């Protein structure tokens, strides 16, 4: 503001124009009650409030109100033009500023000097940040099921939890991740995600590869499912390769190799040797008959407890 002090008995009060207020920010905040980004889908332009004008007596203008956008936990924000990763919301109430408000300009009292005691100008404020933001939602679950199509992931999820995913004997029955809560008689529970099947070269975007692979990032424990009627070592190595090519640090997550469909084998005995890294437990199961499902649940809980305590699992 350009203003001069005018009071009785103060004929030459000098400049006293105040500074402008800062503009509001665009802020994302995590909300555990939300599961989708649907509320933001139809909001094309989102603006925070402008800062207020400076006032007389060197009073600063009111700062603009922030625009708060509630998003589900697991939301990642990117700059759509530069593809820069701005940040990620992982906890309830966590905040992330995706666009900064402008800076208020300076009032004319800042520009007084011995040679210019009546400055007739003030500084304009700087405009706020204007950018196109891309939001991506990743599933957050304790346990993620990883495997090629038709490995039995959806069937296992339906047996261990109350989830009822679509199940059929052809590949790519699951096109979107499904979540299920696995409970124990003593009220323990964990969340399991049925991640759609991976195909070879998924890390290059083949099939719906990258859309599927990104959900694996948000799981604490990975269950690799391989059917007993396949070349187990080859399939397991192929799954590890896809994860490594997509994001090498995914292989640092604790994992269990689960060999499914054991009801197809006589006396539930495997007819091939499986030699993998000694740190990865192997569990033979049958979702159809319930063979070793309870043992698997206990092993998963044991692993999750170690992860929660920060111990190597």
C-alpha atoms as a PDB file:
ATOM      1  CA  UNK A   1       0.000   0.000   0.000  1.00  0.00           C
ATOM      2  CA  UNK A   2       1.073   3.577  -0.695  1.00  0.00           C
ATOM      3  CA  UNK A   3      -0.100   5.683   2.256  1.00  0.00           C
ATOM      4  CA  UNK A   4       1.098   8.615   4.350  1.00  0.00           C
ATOM      5  CA  UNK A   5       0.488   9.246   7.991  1.00  0.00           C
ATOM      6  CA  UNK A   6      -2.033  12.041   8.485  1.00  0.00           C
ATOM      7  CA  UNK A   7      -2.850  13.031  12.054  1.00  0.00           C
ATOM      8  CA  UNK A   8      -3.612  16.241  13.877  1.00  0.00           C
ATOM      9  CA  UNK A   9      -0.407  17.958  14.901  1.00  0.00           C
ATOM     10  CA  UNK A  10       1.619  15.573  12.695  1.00  0.00           C
ATOM     11  CA  UNK A  11       1.576  17.433   9.374  1.00  0.00           C
ATOM     12  CA  UNK A  12       4.427  15.447   7.867  1.00  0.00           C
ATOM     13  CA  UNK A  13       4.008  11.976   9.295  1.00  0.00           C
ATOM     14  CA  UNK A  14       5.782  10.241   6.450  1.00  0.00           C
ATOM     15  CA  UNK A  15       5.000   7.015   4.631  1.00  0.00           C
ATOM     16  CA  UNK A  16       3.240   4.238   6.557  1.00  0.00           C
ATOM     17  CA  UNK A  17       1.827   1.925   3.877  1.00  0.00           C
ATOM     18  CA  UNK A  18       1.850  -1.683   5.073  1.00  0.00           C
ATOM     19  CA  UNK A  19       2.976  -4.867   3.332  1.00  0.00           C
ATOM     20  CA  UNK A  20       0.646  -7.154   1.419  1.00  0.00           C
ATOM     21  CA  UNK A  21      -0.321 -10.526   2.846  1.00  0.00           C
ATOM     22  CA  UNK A  22       1.085 -13.791   1.490  1.00  0.00           C
ATOM     23  CA  UNK A  23      -1.061 -15.988  -0.758  1.00  0.00           C
ATOM     24  CA  UNK A  24      -2.382 -19.320   0.498  1.00  0.00           C
ATOM     25  CA  UNK A  25      -0.732 -22.663  -0.297  1.00  0.00           C
ATOM     26  CA  UNK A  26      -2.300 -25.745  -1.910  1.00  0.00           C
ATOM     27  CA  UNK A  27      -1.866 -28.475   0.714  1.00  0.00           C
ATOM     28  CA  UNK A  28      -2.569 -32.216   0.638  1.00  0.00           C
ATOM     29  CA  UNK A  29      -3.483 -33.859   3.938  1.00  0.00           C
ATOM     30  CA  UNK A  30      -3.787 -37.592   4.588  1.00  0.00           C
ATOM     31  CA  UNK A  31      -7.156 -39.014   5.643  1.00  0.00           C
ATOM     32  CA  UNK A  32      -7.407 -42.692   6.640  1.00  0.00           C
ATOM     33  CA  UNK A  33     -11.154 -42.653   5.953  1.00  0.00           C
ATOM     34  CA  UNK A  34     -10.632 -42.090   2.223  1.00  0.00           C
ATOM     35  CA  UNK A  35      -9.886 -44.887  -0.240  1.00  0.00           C
ATOM     36  CA  UNK A  36      -9.950 -43.124  -3.617  1.00  0.00           C
ATOM     37  CA  UNK A  37      -9.038 -39.838  -5.321  1.00  0.00           C
ATOM     38  CA  UNK A  38     -12.504 -39.596  -6.859  1.00  0.00           C
ATOM     39  CA  UNK A  39     -13.379 -36.366  -5.022  1.00  0.00           C
ATOM     40  CA  UNK A  40     -10.598 -34.536  -6.885  1.00  0.00           C
ATOM     41  CA  UNK A  41     -11.265 -36.041 -10.286  1.00  0.00           C
ATOM     42  CA  UNK A  42     -13.687 -33.351 -11.468  1.00  0.00           C
ATOM     43  CA  UNK A  43     -11.904 -30.338  -9.946  1.00  0.00           C
ATOM     44  CA  UNK A  44      -9.960 -29.003 -12.908  1.00  0.00           C
ATOM     45  CA  UNK A  45      -8.632 -25.814 -11.299  1.00  0.00           C
ATOM     46  CA  UNK A  46      -7.861 -25.411  -7.605  1.00  0.00           C
ATOM     47  CA  UNK A  47      -6.964 -21.996  -6.212  1.00  0.00           C
ATOM     48  CA  UNK A  48      -5.983 -20.873  -2.737  1.00  0.00           C
ATOM     49  CA  UNK A  49      -7.005 -17.411  -1.462  1.00  0.00           C
ATOM     50  CA  UNK A  50      -5.125 -14.247  -2.359  1.00  0.00           C
ATOM     51  CA  UNK A  51      -3.289 -12.301   0.318  1.00  0.00           C
ATOM     52  CA  UNK A  52      -4.936  -9.104   1.571  1.00  0.00           C
ATOM     53  CA  UNK A  53      -3.761  -5.589   0.735  1.00  0.00           C
ATOM     54  CA  UNK A  54      -1.495  -3.741   3.123  1.00  0.00           C
ATOM     55  CA  UNK A  55      -3.083  -1.058   5.281  1.00  0.00           C
ATOM     56  CA  UNK A  56      -2.159   2.211   6.851  1.00  0.00           C
ATOM     57  CA  UNK A  57      -0.079   2.442  10.029  1.00  0.00           C
ATOM     58  CA  UNK A  58       2.296  -0.176   8.566  1.00  0.00           C
ATOM     59  CA  UNK A  59      -0.308  -2.909   9.030  1.00  0.00           C
ATOM     60  CA  UNK A  60       0.378  -6.057   7.049  1.00  0.00           C
ATOM     61  CA  UNK A  61      -2.427  -7.470   4.919  1.00  0.00           C
ATOM     62  CA  UNK A  62      -4.124 -10.705   5.910  1.00  0.00           C
ATOM     63  CA  UNK A  63      -2.475 -13.886   4.605  1.00  0.00           C
ATOM     64  CA  UNK A  64      -4.545 -15.907   2.140  1.00  0.00           C
ATOM     65  CA  UNK A  65      -6.249 -19.054   3.415  1.00  0.00           C
ATOM     66  CA  UNK A  66      -4.614 -22.339   2.413  1.00  0.00           C
ATOM     67  CA  UNK A  67      -6.606 -24.707   0.188  1.00  0.00           C
ATOM     68  CA  UNK A  68      -6.620 -28.066   1.997  1.00  0.00           C
ATOM     69  CA  UNK A  69      -7.226 -31.199  -0.101  1.00  0.00           C
ATOM     70  CA  UNK A  70      -7.902 -34.455   1.735  1.00  0.00           C
ATOM     71  CA  UNK A  71      -6.374 -37.516   0.066  1.00  0.00           C
ATOM     72  CA  UNK A  72      -6.034 -41.206   1.013  1.00  0.00           C
ATOM     73  CA  UNK A  73      -2.843 -42.399   2.664  1.00  0.00           C
ATOM     74  CA  UNK A  74      -0.562 -43.789  -0.018  1.00  0.00           C
ATOM     75  CA  UNK A  75      -1.007 -40.784  -2.347  1.00  0.00           C
ATOM     76  CA  UNK A  76       2.091 -39.673  -4.273  1.00  0.00           C
ATOM     77  CA  UNK A  77       2.252 -36.231  -5.928  1.00  0.00           C
ATOM     78  CA  UNK A  78       4.223 -35.506  -9.123  1.00  0.00           C
ATOM     79  CA  UNK A  79       4.768 -32.380 -11.193  1.00  0.00           C
ATOM     80  CA  UNK A  80       3.068 -33.327 -14.481  1.00  0.00           C
ATOM     81  CA  UNK A  81       5.437 -31.209 -16.625  1.00  0.00           C
ATOM     82  CA  UNK A  82       8.819 -32.148 -15.131  1.00  0.00           C
ATOM     83  CA  UNK A  83       7.775 -35.552 -13.691  1.00  0.00           C
ATOM     84  CA  UNK A  84       9.491 -34.476 -10.460  1.00  0.00           C
ATOM     85  CA  UNK A  85       8.274 -36.410  -7.425  1.00  0.00           C
ATOM     86  CA  UNK A  86       7.005 -33.762  -5.001  1.00  0.00           C
ATOM     87  CA  UNK A  87       6.288 -36.072  -2.068  1.00  0.00           C
ATOM     88  CA  UNK A  88       4.109 -38.783  -0.594  1.00  0.00           C
ATOM     89  CA  UNK A  89       1.373 -38.946   2.047  1.00  0.00           C
ATOM     90  CA  UNK A  90       1.696 -42.089   4.169  1.00  0.00           C
ATOM     91  CA  UNK A  91       0.064 -41.180   7.507  1.00  0.00           C
ATOM     92  CA  UNK A  92      -3.262 -39.827   8.705  1.00  0.00           C
ATOM     93  CA  UNK A  93      -2.981 -36.051   9.136  1.00  0.00           C
ATOM     94  CA  UNK A  94       0.341 -35.803   7.290  1.00  0.00           C
ATOM     95  CA  UNK A  95       0.605 -32.632   5.173  1.00  0.00           C
ATOM     96  CA  UNK A  96       2.348 -31.926   1.864  1.00  0.00           C
ATOM     97  CA  UNK A  97       2.511 -28.505   0.186  1.00  0.00           C
ATOM     98  CA  UNK A  98       2.221 -29.041  -3.574  1.00  0.00           C
ATOM     99  CA  UNK A  99       1.994 -25.375  -4.635  1.00  0.00           C
ATOM    100  CA  UNK A 100       3.334 -22.401  -2.665  1.00  0.00           C
ATOM    101  CA  UNK A 101       1.380 -19.204  -2.338  1.00  0.00           C
ATOM    102  CA  UNK A 102       2.788 -15.876  -3.535  1.00  0.00           C
ATOM    103  CA  UNK A 103       4.755 -13.445  -1.404  1.00  0.00           C
ATOM    104  CA  UNK A 104       3.129 -10.175  -0.379  1.00  0.00           C
ATOM    105  CA  UNK A 105       4.722  -6.969  -1.683  1.00  0.00           C
ATOM    106  CA  UNK A 106       6.325  -4.236   0.450  1.00  0.00           C
ATOM    107  CA  UNK A 107       4.475  -1.059   1.456  1.00  0.00           C
ATOM    108  CA  UNK A 108       5.872   2.375   0.650  1.00  0.00           C
ATOM    109  CA  UNK A 109       7.317   2.903   4.132  1.00  0.00           C
ATOM    110  CA  UNK A 110      10.132   0.485   3.188  1.00  0.00           C
ATOM    111  CA  UNK A 111      11.302   2.869   0.467  1.00  0.00           C
ATOM    112  CA  UNK A 112      11.747   6.037   2.557  1.00  0.00           C
ATOM    113  CA  UNK A 113      15.209   7.559   2.600  1.00  0.00           C
ATOM    114  CA  UNK A 114      16.937  10.822   3.412  1.00  0.00           C
ATOM    115  CA  UNK A 115      16.583  11.912  -0.203  1.00  0.00           C
ATOM    116  CA  UNK A 116      13.076  10.510  -0.791  1.00  0.00           C
ATOM    117  CA  UNK A 117      10.936  11.095   2.253  1.00  0.00           C
ATOM    118  CA  UNK A 118       7.634  10.702   0.394  1.00  0.00           C
ATOM    119  CA  UNK A 119       7.977   7.559  -1.752  1.00  0.00           C
ATOM    120  CA  UNK A 120       4.986   7.276  -4.083  1.00  0.00           C
ATOM    121  CA  UNK A 121       5.399   3.618  -4.933  1.00  0.00           C
ATOM    122  CA  UNK A 122       5.110   0.208  -3.269  1.00  0.00           C
ATOM    123  CA  UNK A 123       6.461  -3.161  -4.369  1.00  0.00           C
ATOM    124  CA  UNK A 124       4.102  -5.561  -6.117  1.00  0.00           C
ATOM    125  CA  UNK A 125       3.718  -9.014  -4.608  1.00  0.00           C
ATOM    126  CA  UNK A 126       5.150 -12.112  -6.271  1.00  0.00           C
ATOM    127  CA  UNK A 127       2.601 -14.477  -7.840  1.00  0.00           C
ATOM    128  CA  UNK A 128       2.001 -17.895  -6.333  1.00  0.00           C
ATOM    129  CA  UNK A 129       3.152 -21.153  -7.851  1.00  0.00           C
ATOM    130  CA  UNK A 130       1.053 -22.425 -10.737  1.00  0.00           C
ATOM    131  CA  UNK A 131       1.594 -26.038 -11.735  1.00  0.00           C
ATOM    132  CA  UNK A 132      -0.153 -29.160 -12.966  1.00  0.00           C
ATOM    133  CA  UNK A 133      -0.089 -31.908 -10.360  1.00  0.00           C
ATOM    134  CA  UNK A 134      -0.475 -35.623 -10.981  1.00  0.00           C
ATOM    135  CA  UNK A 135      -1.705 -37.714  -8.049  1.00  0.00           C
ATOM    136  CA  UNK A 136      -1.120 -41.452  -7.863  1.00  0.00           C
ATOM    137  CA  UNK A 137      -2.631 -43.705  -5.217  1.00  0.00           C
ATOM    138  CA  UNK A 138      -0.697 -46.766  -4.102  1.00  0.00           C
ATOM    139  CA  UNK A 139      -2.206 -49.493  -1.977  1.00  0.00           C
ATOM    140  CA  UNK A 140      -0.994 -49.725   1.592  1.00  0.00           C
ATOM    141  CA  UNK A 141      -1.161 -53.226   3.029  1.00  0.00           C
ATOM    142  CA  UNK A 142       0.833 -55.337   5.467  1.00  0.00           C
ATOM    143  CA  UNK A 143       1.201 -58.233   3.055  1.00  0.00           C
ATOM    144  CA  UNK A 144       1.260 -58.284  -0.749  1.00  0.00           C
ATOM    145  CA  UNK A 145       0.665 -61.326  -2.950  1.00  0.00           C
ATOM    146  CA  UNK A 146       3.035 -61.430  -5.921  1.00  0.00           C
ATOM    147  CA  UNK A 147       2.916 -63.924  -8.772  1.00  0.00           C
ATOM    148  CA  UNK A 148       2.232 -64.597 -12.407  1.00  0.00           C
ATOM    149  CA  UNK A 149      -1.401 -64.757 -13.599  1.00  0.00           C
ATOM    150  CA  UNK A 150      -3.358 -67.769 -12.369  1.00  0.00           C
ATOM    151  CA  UNK A 151      -0.913 -68.568  -9.549  1.00  0.00           C
ATOM    152  CA  UNK A 152      -3.730 -68.731  -6.989  1.00  0.00           C
ATOM    153  CA  UNK A 153      -3.413 -65.284  -5.382  1.00  0.00           C
ATOM    154  CA  UNK A 154      -7.117 -64.423  -5.408  1.00  0.00           C
ATOM    155  CA  UNK A 155      -8.040 -67.892  -4.143  1.00  0.00           C
ATOM    156  CA  UNK A 156      -5.601 -67.586  -1.238  1.00  0.00           C
ATOM    157  CA  UNK A 157      -6.969 -64.129  -0.365  1.00  0.00           C
ATOM    158  CA  UNK A 158     -10.542 -65.472  -0.353  1.00  0.00           C
ATOM    159  CA  UNK A 159      -9.567 -68.412   1.881  1.00  0.00           C
ATOM    160  CA  UNK A 160      -7.598 -66.338   4.394  1.00  0.00           C
ATOM    161  CA  UNK A 161      -9.931 -63.334   4.585  1.00  0.00           C
ATOM    162  CA  UNK A 162     -13.535 -62.278   4.006  1.00  0.00           C
ATOM    163  CA  UNK A 163     -12.615 -60.699   0.672  1.00  0.00           C
ATOM    164  CA  UNK A 164     -14.396 -62.121  -2.347  1.00  0.00           C
ATOM    165  CA  UNK A 165     -12.311 -61.309  -5.423  1.00  0.00           C
ATOM    166  CA  UNK A 166     -13.303 -62.591  -8.860  1.00  0.00           C
ATOM    167  CA  UNK A 167     -11.776 -66.051  -9.356  1.00  0.00           C
ATOM    168  CA  UNK A 168     -11.552 -68.051 -12.586  1.00  0.00           C
ATOM    169  CA  UNK A 169      -9.173 -70.487 -14.251  1.00  0.00           C
ATOM    170  CA  UNK A 170      -7.826 -68.044 -16.819  1.00  0.00           C
ATOM    171  CA  UNK A 171      -5.087 -65.385 -16.580  1.00  0.00           C
ATOM    172  CA  UNK A 172      -5.767 -61.788 -15.595  1.00  0.00           C
ATOM    173  CA  UNK A 173      -8.975 -62.465 -13.704  1.00  0.00           C
ATOM    174  CA  UNK A 174      -7.787 -59.754 -11.294  1.00  0.00           C
ATOM    175  CA  UNK A 175      -7.433 -56.401 -13.051  1.00  0.00           C
ATOM    176  CA  UNK A 176      -7.466 -54.209  -9.954  1.00  0.00           C
ATOM    177  CA  UNK A 177      -5.844 -54.865  -6.562  1.00  0.00           C
ATOM    178  CA  UNK A 178      -8.117 -56.363  -3.898  1.00  0.00           C
ATOM    179  CA  UNK A 179      -7.712 -55.918  -0.154  1.00  0.00           C
ATOM    180  CA  UNK A 180      -8.722 -58.370   2.547  1.00  0.00           C
ATOM    181  CA  UNK A 181      -8.363 -58.360   6.335  1.00  0.00           C
ATOM    182  CA  UNK A 182      -6.990 -61.625   7.724  1.00  0.00           C
ATOM    183  CA  UNK A 183      -8.109 -62.202  11.314  1.00  0.00           C
ATOM    184  CA  UNK A 184      -7.108 -64.623  14.076  1.00  0.00           C
ATOM    185  CA  UNK A 185      -9.273 -66.031  16.891  1.00  0.00           C
ATOM    186  CA  UNK A 186      -7.433 -63.848  19.415  1.00  0.00           C
ATOM    187  CA  UNK A 187      -8.331 -60.632  17.489  1.00  0.00           C
ATOM    188  CA  UNK A 188      -4.973 -60.209  15.779  1.00  0.00           C
ATOM    189  CA  UNK A 189      -5.303 -59.086  12.168  1.00  0.00           C
ATOM    190  CA  UNK A 190      -3.391 -57.829   9.148  1.00  0.00           C
ATOM    191  CA  UNK A 191      -4.281 -56.442   5.709  1.00  0.00           C
ATOM    192  CA  UNK A 192      -3.447 -58.514   2.638  1.00  0.00           C
ATOM    193  CA  UNK A 193      -3.389 -57.185  -0.949  1.00  0.00           C
ATOM    194  CA  UNK A 194      -4.037 -59.365  -3.976  1.00  0.00           C
ATOM    195  CA  UNK A 195      -1.903 -57.617  -6.604  1.00  0.00           C
ATOM    196  CA  UNK A 196      -2.823 -58.416 -10.229  1.00  0.00           C
ATOM    197  CA  UNK A 197      -0.568 -60.909 -11.981  1.00  0.00           C
ATOM    198  CA  UNK A 198       2.821 -59.885 -13.313  1.00  0.00           C
ATOM    199  CA  UNK A 199       3.986 -60.899 -16.783  1.00  0.00           C
ATOM    200  CA  UNK A 200       7.538 -61.056 -18.087  1.00  0.00           C
ATOM    201  CA  UNK A 201       8.911 -57.605 -19.011  1.00  0.00           C
ATOM    202  CA  UNK A 202       6.224 -55.978 -16.844  1.00  0.00           C
ATOM    203  CA  UNK A 203       8.898 -53.489 -15.701  1.00  0.00           C
ATOM    204  CA  UNK A 204       8.960 -52.186 -19.289  1.00  0.00           C
ATOM    205  CA  UNK A 205       5.223 -51.552 -19.125  1.00  0.00           C
ATOM    206  CA  UNK A 206       4.119 -54.683 -20.948  1.00  0.00           C
ATOM    207  CA  UNK A 207       0.586 -55.756 -20.163  1.00  0.00           C
ATOM    208  CA  UNK A 208      -0.448 -53.518 -17.279  1.00  0.00           C
ATOM    209  CA  UNK A 209       2.920 -54.135 -15.646  1.00  0.00           C
ATOM    210  CA  UNK A 210       3.899 -50.827 -14.095  1.00  0.00           C
ATOM    211  CA  UNK A 211       0.338 -50.173 -12.930  1.00  0.00           C
ATOM    212  CA  UNK A 212       0.566 -53.468 -11.025  1.00  0.00           C
ATOM    213  CA  UNK A 213       4.166 -53.205  -9.847  1.00  0.00           C
ATOM    214  CA  UNK A 214       3.726 -49.827  -8.182  1.00  0.00           C
ATOM    215  CA  UNK A 215       1.323 -51.359  -5.632  1.00  0.00           C
ATOM    216  CA  UNK A 216       4.058 -53.698  -4.394  1.00  0.00           C
ATOM    217  CA  UNK A 217       6.030 -50.724  -3.050  1.00  0.00           C
ATOM    218  CA  UNK A 218       3.582 -50.106  -0.203  1.00  0.00           C
ATOM    219  CA  UNK A 219       3.618 -53.626   1.297  1.00  0.00           C
ATOM    220  CA  UNK A 220       5.767 -54.612   4.255  1.00  0.00           C
ATOM    221  CA  UNK A 221       5.967 -58.342   3.498  1.00  0.00           C
ATOM    222  CA  UNK A 222       5.800 -60.002   0.064  1.00  0.00           C
ATOM    223  CA  UNK A 223       4.370 -63.462  -0.549  1.00  0.00           C
ATOM    224  CA  UNK A 224       5.632 -64.927  -3.829  1.00  0.00           C
ATOM    225  CA  UNK A 225       3.104 -67.463  -5.148  1.00  0.00           C
ATOM    226  CA  UNK A 226       4.202 -70.131  -7.635  1.00  0.00           C
ATOM    227  CA  UNK A 227       2.096 -73.115  -8.706  1.00  0.00           C
ATOM    228  CA  UNK A 228       3.498 -76.590  -8.001  1.00  0.00           C
ATOM    229  CA  UNK A 229       2.715 -77.556 -11.613  1.00  0.00           C
ATOM    230  CA  UNK A 230       5.331 -75.114 -12.998  1.00  0.00           C
ATOM    231  CA  UNK A 231       9.133 -74.846 -12.984  1.00  0.00           C
ATOM    232  CA  UNK A 232       9.207 -73.304  -9.515  1.00  0.00           C
ATOM    233  CA  UNK A 233      12.783 -72.002  -9.485  1.00  0.00           C
ATOM    234  CA  UNK A 234      12.424 -70.480 -12.950  1.00  0.00           C
ATOM    235  CA  UNK A 235       9.156 -68.695 -12.111  1.00  0.00           C
ATOM    236  CA  UNK A 236      10.480 -67.443  -8.778  1.00  0.00           C
ATOM    237  CA  UNK A 237      13.649 -66.088 -10.453  1.00  0.00           C
ATOM    238  CA  UNK A 238      11.529 -64.399 -13.136  1.00  0.00           C
ATOM    239  CA  UNK A 239       9.412 -62.651 -10.496  1.00  0.00           C
ATOM    240  CA  UNK A 240      12.524 -61.445  -8.669  1.00  0.00           C
ATOM    241  CA  UNK A 241      13.922 -60.174 -11.958  1.00  0.00           C
ATOM    242  CA  UNK A 242      10.803 -58.111 -12.734  1.00  0.00           C
ATOM    243  CA  UNK A 243      10.873 -56.501  -9.284  1.00  0.00           C
ATOM    244  CA  UNK A 244      14.592 -55.813  -9.494  1.00  0.00           C
ATOM    245  CA  UNK A 245      14.290 -54.174 -12.924  1.00  0.00           C
ATOM    246  CA  UNK A 246      11.385 -52.031 -11.721  1.00  0.00           C
ATOM    247  CA  UNK A 247      12.919 -51.009  -8.377  1.00  0.00           C
ATOM    248  CA  UNK A 248      15.936 -52.868  -6.973  1.00  0.00           C
ATOM    249  CA  UNK A 249      15.141 -51.926  -3.358  1.00  0.00           C
ATOM    250  CA  UNK A 250      11.947 -54.026  -3.517  1.00  0.00           C
ATOM    251  CA  UNK A 251      14.161 -57.090  -3.133  1.00  0.00           C
ATOM    252  CA  UNK A 252      15.171 -55.805   0.309  1.00  0.00           C
ATOM    253  CA  UNK A 253      11.643 -56.437   1.566  1.00  0.00           C
ATOM    254  CA  UNK A 254      11.174 -59.677   3.555  1.00  0.00           C
ATOM    255  CA  UNK A 255       9.449 -62.392   1.564  1.00  0.00           C
ATOM    256  CA  UNK A 256       8.036 -65.918   1.709  1.00  0.00           C
ATOM    257  CA  UNK A 257       7.862 -68.324  -1.226  1.00  0.00           C
ATOM    258  CA  UNK A 258       4.495 -70.096  -1.302  1.00  0.00           C
ATOM    259  CA  UNK A 259       4.052 -73.118  -3.536  1.00  0.00           C
ATOM    260  CA  UNK A 260       0.345 -73.385  -4.329  1.00  0.00           C
ATOM    261  CA  UNK A 261      -2.079 -76.030  -5.644  1.00  0.00           C
ATOM    262  CA  UNK A 262      -0.392 -78.856  -3.686  1.00  0.00           C
ATOM    263  CA  UNK A 263      -3.672 -80.797  -3.825  1.00  0.00           C
ATOM    264  CA  UNK A 264      -2.616 -81.664  -7.389  1.00  0.00           C
ATOM    265  CA  UNK A 265       0.303 -83.713  -6.005  1.00  0.00           C
ATOM    266  CA  UNK A 266      -0.017 -87.126  -4.427  1.00  0.00           C
ATOM    267  CA  UNK A 267       0.294 -86.945  -0.632  1.00  0.00           C
ATOM    268  CA  UNK A 268       1.045 -83.205  -1.003  1.00  0.00           C
ATOM    269  CA  UNK A 269       4.666 -84.001  -1.835  1.00  0.00           C
ATOM    270  CA  UNK A 270       6.696 -81.904  -4.238  1.00  0.00           C
ATOM    271  CA  UNK A 271       8.267 -83.763  -7.150  1.00  0.00           C
ATOM    272  CA  UNK A 272      11.059 -81.225  -7.826  1.00  0.00           C
ATOM    273  CA  UNK A 273      13.919 -79.733  -5.840  1.00  0.00           C
ATOM    274  CA  UNK A 274      13.701 -76.028  -4.991  1.00  0.00           C
ATOM    275  CA  UNK A 275      17.008 -74.324  -4.258  1.00  0.00           C
ATOM    276  CA  UNK A 276      16.649 -70.637  -3.405  1.00  0.00           C
ATOM    277  CA  UNK A 277      18.262 -68.262  -0.917  1.00  0.00           C
ATOM    278  CA  UNK A 278      18.244 -69.717   2.585  1.00  0.00           C
ATOM    279  CA  UNK A 279      16.726 -66.556   4.118  1.00  0.00           C
ATOM    280  CA  UNK A 280      13.406 -67.080   2.299  1.00  0.00           C
ATOM    281  CA  UNK A 281      11.046 -69.618   3.911  1.00  0.00           C
ATOM    282  CA  UNK A 282       9.152 -72.005   1.627  1.00  0.00           C
ATOM    283  CA  UNK A 283       5.590 -73.032   2.456  1.00  0.00           C
ATOM    284  CA  UNK A 284       3.597 -75.658   0.537  1.00  0.00           C
ATOM    285  CA  UNK A 285      -0.158 -74.980   0.591  1.00  0.00           C
ATOM    286  CA  UNK A 286      -3.465 -75.850  -0.993  1.00  0.00           C
ATOM    287  CA  UNK A 287      -6.144 -73.174  -0.858  1.00  0.00           C
ATOM    288  CA  UNK A 288      -8.693 -75.699  -2.145  1.00  0.00           C
ATOM    289  CA  UNK A 289      -8.247 -78.116   0.786  1.00  0.00           C
ATOM    290  CA  UNK A 290      -6.835 -75.722   3.422  1.00  0.00           C
ATOM    291  CA  UNK A 291      -3.538 -77.626   3.558  1.00  0.00           C
ATOM    292  CA  UNK A 292      -1.060 -75.680   5.756  1.00  0.00           C
ATOM    293  CA  UNK A 293      -3.076 -72.440   5.578  1.00  0.00           C
ATOM    294  CA  UNK A 294      -3.020 -72.042   9.377  1.00  0.00           C
ATOM    295  CA  UNK A 295       0.753 -72.628   9.450  1.00  0.00           C
ATOM    296  CA  UNK A 296       1.157 -69.968   6.784  1.00  0.00           C
ATOM    297  CA  UNK A 297      -0.902 -67.476   8.789  1.00  0.00           C
ATOM    298  CA  UNK A 298       1.276 -68.005  11.860  1.00  0.00           C
ATOM    299  CA  UNK A 299       4.480 -67.602   9.832  1.00  0.00           C
ATOM    300  CA  UNK A 300       3.159 -64.361   8.322  1.00  0.00           C
ATOM    301  CA  UNK A 301       2.312 -63.000  11.775  1.00  0.00           C
ATOM    302  CA  UNK A 302       5.748 -63.935  13.073  1.00  0.00           C
ATOM    303  CA  UNK A 303       7.355 -62.061  10.167  1.00  0.00           C
ATOM    304  CA  UNK A 304       5.142 -58.990  10.632  1.00  0.00           C
ATOM    305  CA  UNK A 305       5.972 -58.828  14.329  1.00  0.00           C
ATOM    306  CA  UNK A 306       9.696 -58.801  13.532  1.00  0.00           C
ATOM    307  CA  UNK A 307       9.158 -56.076  10.933  1.00  0.00           C
ATOM    308  CA  UNK A 308       7.192 -54.018  13.473  1.00  0.00           C
ATOM    309  CA  UNK A 309       9.987 -54.370  16.014  1.00  0.00           C
ATOM    310  CA  UNK A 310      12.618 -53.428  13.444  1.00  0.00           C
ATOM    311  CA  UNK A 311      14.287 -56.817  13.580  1.00  0.00           C
ATOM    312  CA  UNK A 312      15.638 -58.581  10.488  1.00  0.00           C
ATOM    313  CA  UNK A 313      12.948 -61.023   9.344  1.00  0.00           C
END
